Amino acid sequence: MRFHLFEQHADAHLRKSREYLEEANLARVEHQAAAEHHAALAQMYVERIARIEAEINSALQPRSLVTRPAPEEDERPKTESVVVYPARVSRT
């Protein structure tokens, strides 16, 4: 009768190594998903910071320099049919 003691240990080590490999692959996939999630969050915050900074800069500009968007055709003010000129100052 021959003992297969070393072969059994080799199989057990190989099985355990395969389990470790599978765990490592699962951990890699989980970390990649988490990294993608964090990258998306970082991009969202980059855009949010830019938007907030633009609002702050707009609020800090003097009112005369703030540009107003052009009104749409329906929102344009109606022109007066009579033009009122300032009164002339007469010399006496």
N, C-alpha and C. Protein backbone atom coordinates (compact mmCIF):
# COMPACT_ATOMS: atom_id res chain seq x y z
N MET A 1 0.84 -1.18 0.00
CA MET A 1 0.00 0.00 0.00
C MET A 1 0.88 1.24 0.00
N ARG A 2 0.55 2.13 -0.88
CA ARG A 2 1.35 3.33 -1.04
C ARG A 2 0.60 4.51 -0.42
N PHE A 3 1.32 5.33 0.31
CA PHE A 3 0.72 6.53 0.90
C PHE A 3 0.80 7.69 -0.07
N HIS A 4 -0.28 8.41 -0.18
CA HIS A 4 -0.33 9.59 -1.05
C HIS A 4 -0.42 10.85 -0.19
N LEU A 5 0.37 10.83 0.86
CA LEU A 5 0.32 11.92 1.83
C LEU A 5 0.71 13.25 1.19
N PHE A 6 1.79 13.25 0.43
CA PHE A 6 2.28 14.51 -0.15
C PHE A 6 1.37 14.98 -1.28
N GLU A 7 0.79 14.03 -2.02
CA GLU A 7 -0.11 14.41 -3.11
C GLU A 7 -1.39 15.03 -2.55
N GLN A 8 -1.89 14.52 -1.43
CA GLN A 8 -3.09 15.07 -0.81
C GLN A 8 -2.84 16.49 -0.32
N HIS A 9 -1.66 16.72 0.25
CA HIS A 9 -1.32 18.07 0.72
C HIS A 9 -1.17 19.03 -0.45
N ALA A 10 -0.62 18.52 -1.53
CA ALA A 10 -0.46 19.37 -2.72
C ALA A 10 -1.82 19.77 -3.25
N ASP A 11 -2.76 18.83 -3.31
CA ASP A 11 -4.11 19.15 -3.76
C ASP A 11 -4.78 20.15 -2.83
N ALA A 12 -4.60 19.98 -1.53
CA ALA A 12 -5.20 20.90 -0.57
C ALA A 12 -4.62 22.30 -0.71
N HIS A 13 -3.30 22.37 -0.92
CA HIS A 13 -2.67 23.67 -1.11
C HIS A 13 -3.14 24.32 -2.41
N LEU A 14 -3.27 23.51 -3.43
CA LEU A 14 -3.75 24.03 -4.71
C LEU A 14 -5.19 24.53 -4.60
N ARG A 15 -6.03 23.76 -3.91
CA ARG A 15 -7.42 24.19 -3.69
C ARG A 15 -7.46 25.50 -2.91
N LYS A 16 -6.66 25.59 -1.86
CA LYS A 16 -6.64 26.81 -1.04
C LYS A 16 -6.12 27.99 -1.86
N SER A 17 -5.12 27.74 -2.69
CA SER A 17 -4.59 28.81 -3.53
C SER A 17 -5.64 29.31 -4.52
N ARG A 18 -6.42 28.39 -5.05
CA ARG A 18 -7.49 28.79 -5.96
C ARG A 18 -8.56 29.61 -5.23
N GLU A 19 -8.87 29.26 -3.99
CA GLU A 19 -9.82 30.05 -3.20
C GLU A 19 -9.28 31.46 -2.97
N TYR A 20 -7.97 31.54 -2.64
CA TYR A 20 -7.36 32.86 -2.44
C TYR A 20 -7.40 33.68 -3.73
N LEU A 21 -7.15 33.00 -4.86
CA LEU A 21 -7.19 33.69 -6.15
C LEU A 21 -8.60 34.22 -6.45
N GLU A 22 -9.61 33.40 -6.18
CA GLU A 22 -10.99 33.84 -6.41
C GLU A 22 -11.35 35.01 -5.50
N GLU A 23 -10.96 34.94 -4.24
CA GLU A 23 -11.22 36.05 -3.31
C GLU A 23 -10.53 37.33 -3.77
N ALA A 24 -9.29 37.18 -4.24
CA ALA A 24 -8.55 38.35 -4.71
C ALA A 24 -9.22 38.96 -5.94
N ASN A 25 -9.69 38.13 -6.85
CA ASN A 25 -10.39 38.65 -8.03
C ASN A 25 -11.69 39.35 -7.65
N LEU A 26 -12.44 38.79 -6.72
CA LEU A 26 -13.67 39.44 -6.26
C LEU A 26 -13.36 40.78 -5.59
N ALA A 27 -12.33 40.81 -4.77
CA ALA A 27 -11.94 42.06 -4.10
C ALA A 27 -11.53 43.10 -5.13
N ARG A 28 -10.80 42.67 -6.18
CA ARG A 28 -10.39 43.60 -7.23
C ARG A 28 -11.60 44.21 -7.92
N VAL A 29 -12.59 43.39 -8.25
CA VAL A 29 -13.79 43.88 -8.92
C VAL A 29 -14.55 44.85 -8.01
N GLU A 30 -14.67 44.51 -6.73
CA GLU A 30 -15.35 45.40 -5.79
C GLU A 30 -14.62 46.73 -5.66
N HIS A 31 -13.31 46.70 -5.61
CA HIS A 31 -12.55 47.94 -5.48
C HIS A 31 -12.60 48.77 -6.76
N GLN A 32 -12.63 48.10 -7.91
CA GLN A 32 -12.76 48.85 -9.16
C GLN A 32 -14.12 49.55 -9.23
N ALA A 33 -15.16 48.86 -8.79
CA ALA A 33 -16.49 49.48 -8.78
C ALA A 33 -16.52 50.67 -7.83
N ALA A 34 -15.89 50.50 -6.66
CA ALA A 34 -15.83 51.60 -5.70
C ALA A 34 -15.02 52.77 -6.26
N ALA A 35 -13.94 52.46 -6.96
CA ALA A 35 -13.11 53.52 -7.56
C ALA A 35 -13.89 54.29 -8.62
N GLU A 36 -14.67 53.58 -9.44
CA GLU A 36 -15.50 54.26 -10.44
C GLU A 36 -16.54 55.15 -9.78
N HIS A 37 -17.11 54.67 -8.69
CA HIS A 37 -18.10 55.45 -7.95
C HIS A 37 -17.46 56.72 -7.39
N HIS A 38 -16.28 56.58 -6.80
CA HIS A 38 -15.60 57.74 -6.22
C HIS A 38 -15.14 58.71 -7.31
N ALA A 39 -14.74 58.20 -8.45
CA ALA A 39 -14.35 59.08 -9.55
C ALA A 39 -15.56 59.88 -10.05
N ALA A 40 -16.71 59.24 -10.12
CA ALA A 40 -17.93 59.95 -10.53
C ALA A 40 -18.30 61.02 -9.51
N LEU A 41 -18.16 60.69 -8.24
CA LEU A 41 -18.44 61.69 -7.20
C LEU A 41 -17.47 62.86 -7.29
N ALA A 42 -16.20 62.56 -7.51
CA ALA A 42 -15.20 63.62 -7.63
C ALA A 42 -15.53 64.54 -8.80
N GLN A 43 -15.92 63.97 -9.94
CA GLN A 43 -16.31 64.79 -11.10
C GLN A 43 -17.53 65.64 -10.79
N MET A 44 -18.49 65.07 -10.08
CA MET A 44 -19.69 65.82 -9.71
C MET A 44 -19.30 67.02 -8.85
N TYR A 45 -18.38 66.83 -7.91
CA TYR A 45 -17.98 67.93 -7.05
C TYR A 45 -17.16 68.97 -7.80
N VAL A 46 -16.37 68.56 -8.80
CA VAL A 46 -15.65 69.52 -9.64
C VAL A 46 -16.65 70.44 -10.34
N GLU A 47 -17.70 69.85 -10.90
CA GLU A 47 -18.72 70.65 -11.58
C GLU A 47 -19.48 71.53 -10.60
N ARG A 48 -19.77 71.01 -9.42
CA ARG A 48 -20.50 71.78 -8.41
C ARG A 48 -19.67 72.97 -7.95
N ILE A 49 -18.37 72.75 -7.72
CA ILE A 49 -17.48 73.83 -7.30
C ILE A 49 -17.43 74.92 -8.36
N ALA A 50 -17.30 74.53 -9.62
CA ALA A 50 -17.26 75.51 -10.71
C ALA A 50 -18.54 76.32 -10.76
N ARG A 51 -19.69 75.65 -10.59
CA ARG A 51 -20.98 76.34 -10.63
C ARG A 51 -21.10 77.32 -9.45
N ILE A 52 -20.71 76.89 -8.26
CA ILE A 52 -20.80 77.77 -7.08
C ILE A 52 -19.85 78.95 -7.21
N GLU A 53 -18.62 78.69 -7.70
CA GLU A 53 -17.67 79.80 -7.89
C GLU A 53 -18.20 80.81 -8.90
N ALA A 54 -18.83 80.33 -9.97
CA ALA A 54 -19.40 81.24 -10.96
C ALA A 54 -20.51 82.08 -10.35
N GLU A 55 -21.35 81.48 -9.52
CA GLU A 55 -22.42 82.23 -8.85
C GLU A 55 -21.84 83.28 -7.91
N ILE A 56 -20.80 82.92 -7.17
CA ILE A 56 -20.17 83.86 -6.25
C ILE A 56 -19.54 85.01 -7.02
N ASN A 57 -18.80 84.69 -8.09
CA ASN A 57 -18.17 85.75 -8.89
C ASN A 57 -19.21 86.67 -9.51
N SER A 58 -20.32 86.10 -9.95
CA SER A 58 -21.39 86.90 -10.52
C SER A 58 -22.00 87.83 -9.46
N ALA A 59 -22.15 87.32 -8.25
CA ALA A 59 -22.73 88.13 -7.18
C ALA A 59 -21.78 89.24 -6.73
N LEU A 60 -20.48 89.03 -6.88
CA LEU A 60 -19.51 90.02 -6.43
C LEU A 60 -19.23 91.10 -7.46
N GLN A 61 -19.65 90.91 -8.71
CA GLN A 61 -19.43 91.92 -9.74
C GLN A 61 -20.36 93.10 -9.50
N PRO A 62 -19.88 94.30 -9.85
CA PRO A 62 -20.78 95.46 -9.74
C PRO A 62 -21.99 95.26 -10.65
N ARG A 63 -23.12 95.80 -10.24
CA ARG A 63 -24.38 95.60 -10.97
C ARG A 63 -24.32 96.11 -12.40
N SER A 64 -23.56 97.19 -12.67
CA SER A 64 -23.52 97.74 -14.02
C SER A 64 -22.78 96.81 -14.98
N LEU A 65 -21.93 95.93 -14.46
CA LEU A 65 -21.17 95.03 -15.32
C LEU A 65 -21.87 93.69 -15.52
N VAL A 66 -22.90 93.45 -14.73
CA VAL A 66 -23.60 92.18 -14.86
C VAL A 66 -24.39 92.19 -16.15
N THR A 67 -24.19 91.20 -16.97
CA THR A 67 -24.92 91.15 -18.23
C THR A 67 -26.20 90.38 -18.03
N ARG A 68 -27.23 90.88 -18.63
CA ARG A 68 -28.52 90.23 -18.55
C ARG A 68 -28.72 89.43 -19.83
N PRO A 69 -29.35 88.29 -19.73
CA PRO A 69 -29.60 87.53 -20.96
C PRO A 69 -30.59 88.26 -21.85
N ALA A 70 -30.41 88.09 -23.15
CA ALA A 70 -31.31 88.75 -24.11
C ALA A 70 -32.70 88.16 -23.96
N PRO A 71 -33.72 89.02 -23.92
CA PRO A 71 -35.08 88.49 -23.78
C PRO A 71 -35.49 87.77 -25.06
N GLU A 72 -36.36 86.81 -24.91
CA GLU A 72 -36.87 86.09 -26.08
C GLU A 72 -37.84 86.99 -26.82
N GLU A 73 -38.20 86.60 -28.01
CA GLU A 73 -39.05 87.45 -28.84
C GLU A 73 -40.37 87.78 -28.17
N ASP A 74 -40.95 86.83 -27.47
CA ASP A 74 -42.23 87.08 -26.82
C ASP A 74 -42.08 87.99 -25.60
N GLU A 75 -40.88 88.04 -25.04
CA GLU A 75 -40.67 88.80 -23.80
C GLU A 75 -40.09 90.19 -24.05
N ARG A 76 -39.89 90.58 -25.30
CA ARG A 76 -39.32 91.89 -25.57
C ARG A 76 -40.31 92.97 -25.20
N PRO A 77 -39.80 94.04 -24.58
CA PRO A 77 -40.72 95.12 -24.21
C PRO A 77 -41.28 95.80 -25.45
N LYS A 78 -42.53 96.22 -25.34
CA LYS A 78 -43.18 96.91 -26.45
C LYS A 78 -42.67 98.34 -26.50
N THR A 79 -42.42 98.83 -27.71
CA THR A 79 -41.94 100.21 -27.85
C THR A 79 -43.11 101.17 -27.75
N GLU A 80 -42.83 102.31 -27.21
CA GLU A 80 -43.85 103.35 -27.08
C GLU A 80 -44.12 103.96 -28.46
N SER A 81 -45.36 104.29 -28.72
CA SER A 81 -45.68 104.89 -30.01
C SER A 81 -45.35 106.39 -30.01
N VAL A 82 -45.22 106.98 -28.84
CA VAL A 82 -44.89 108.41 -28.76
C VAL A 82 -43.57 108.53 -28.03
N VAL A 83 -42.64 109.25 -28.63
CA VAL A 83 -41.33 109.44 -28.02
C VAL A 83 -41.39 110.73 -27.22
N VAL A 84 -41.00 110.70 -25.99
CA VAL A 84 -41.01 111.88 -25.13
C VAL A 84 -39.59 112.40 -25.03
N TYR A 85 -39.41 113.67 -25.47
CA TYR A 85 -38.10 114.30 -25.39
C TYR A 85 -38.06 115.18 -24.15
N PRO A 86 -36.89 115.35 -23.58
CA PRO A 86 -36.80 116.25 -22.43
C PRO A 86 -37.05 117.69 -22.86
N ALA A 87 -37.59 118.45 -21.94
CA ALA A 87 -37.90 119.86 -22.26
C ALA A 87 -36.61 120.64 -22.45
N ARG A 88 -36.66 121.59 -23.41
CA ARG A 88 -35.49 122.45 -23.64
C ARG A 88 -35.45 123.53 -22.59
N VAL A 89 -34.24 123.82 -22.27
CA VAL A 89 -34.07 124.93 -21.35
C VAL A 89 -33.97 126.19 -22.21
N SER A 90 -34.87 127.11 -21.96
CA SER A 90 -34.86 128.32 -22.77
C SER A 90 -33.94 129.37 -22.13
N ARG A 91 -33.27 130.09 -22.98
CA ARG A 91 -32.39 131.13 -22.48
C ARG A 91 -33.15 132.44 -22.39
N THR A 92 -33.02 133.07 -21.33
CA THR A 92 -33.70 134.36 -21.19
C THR A 92 -32.76 135.50 -21.01
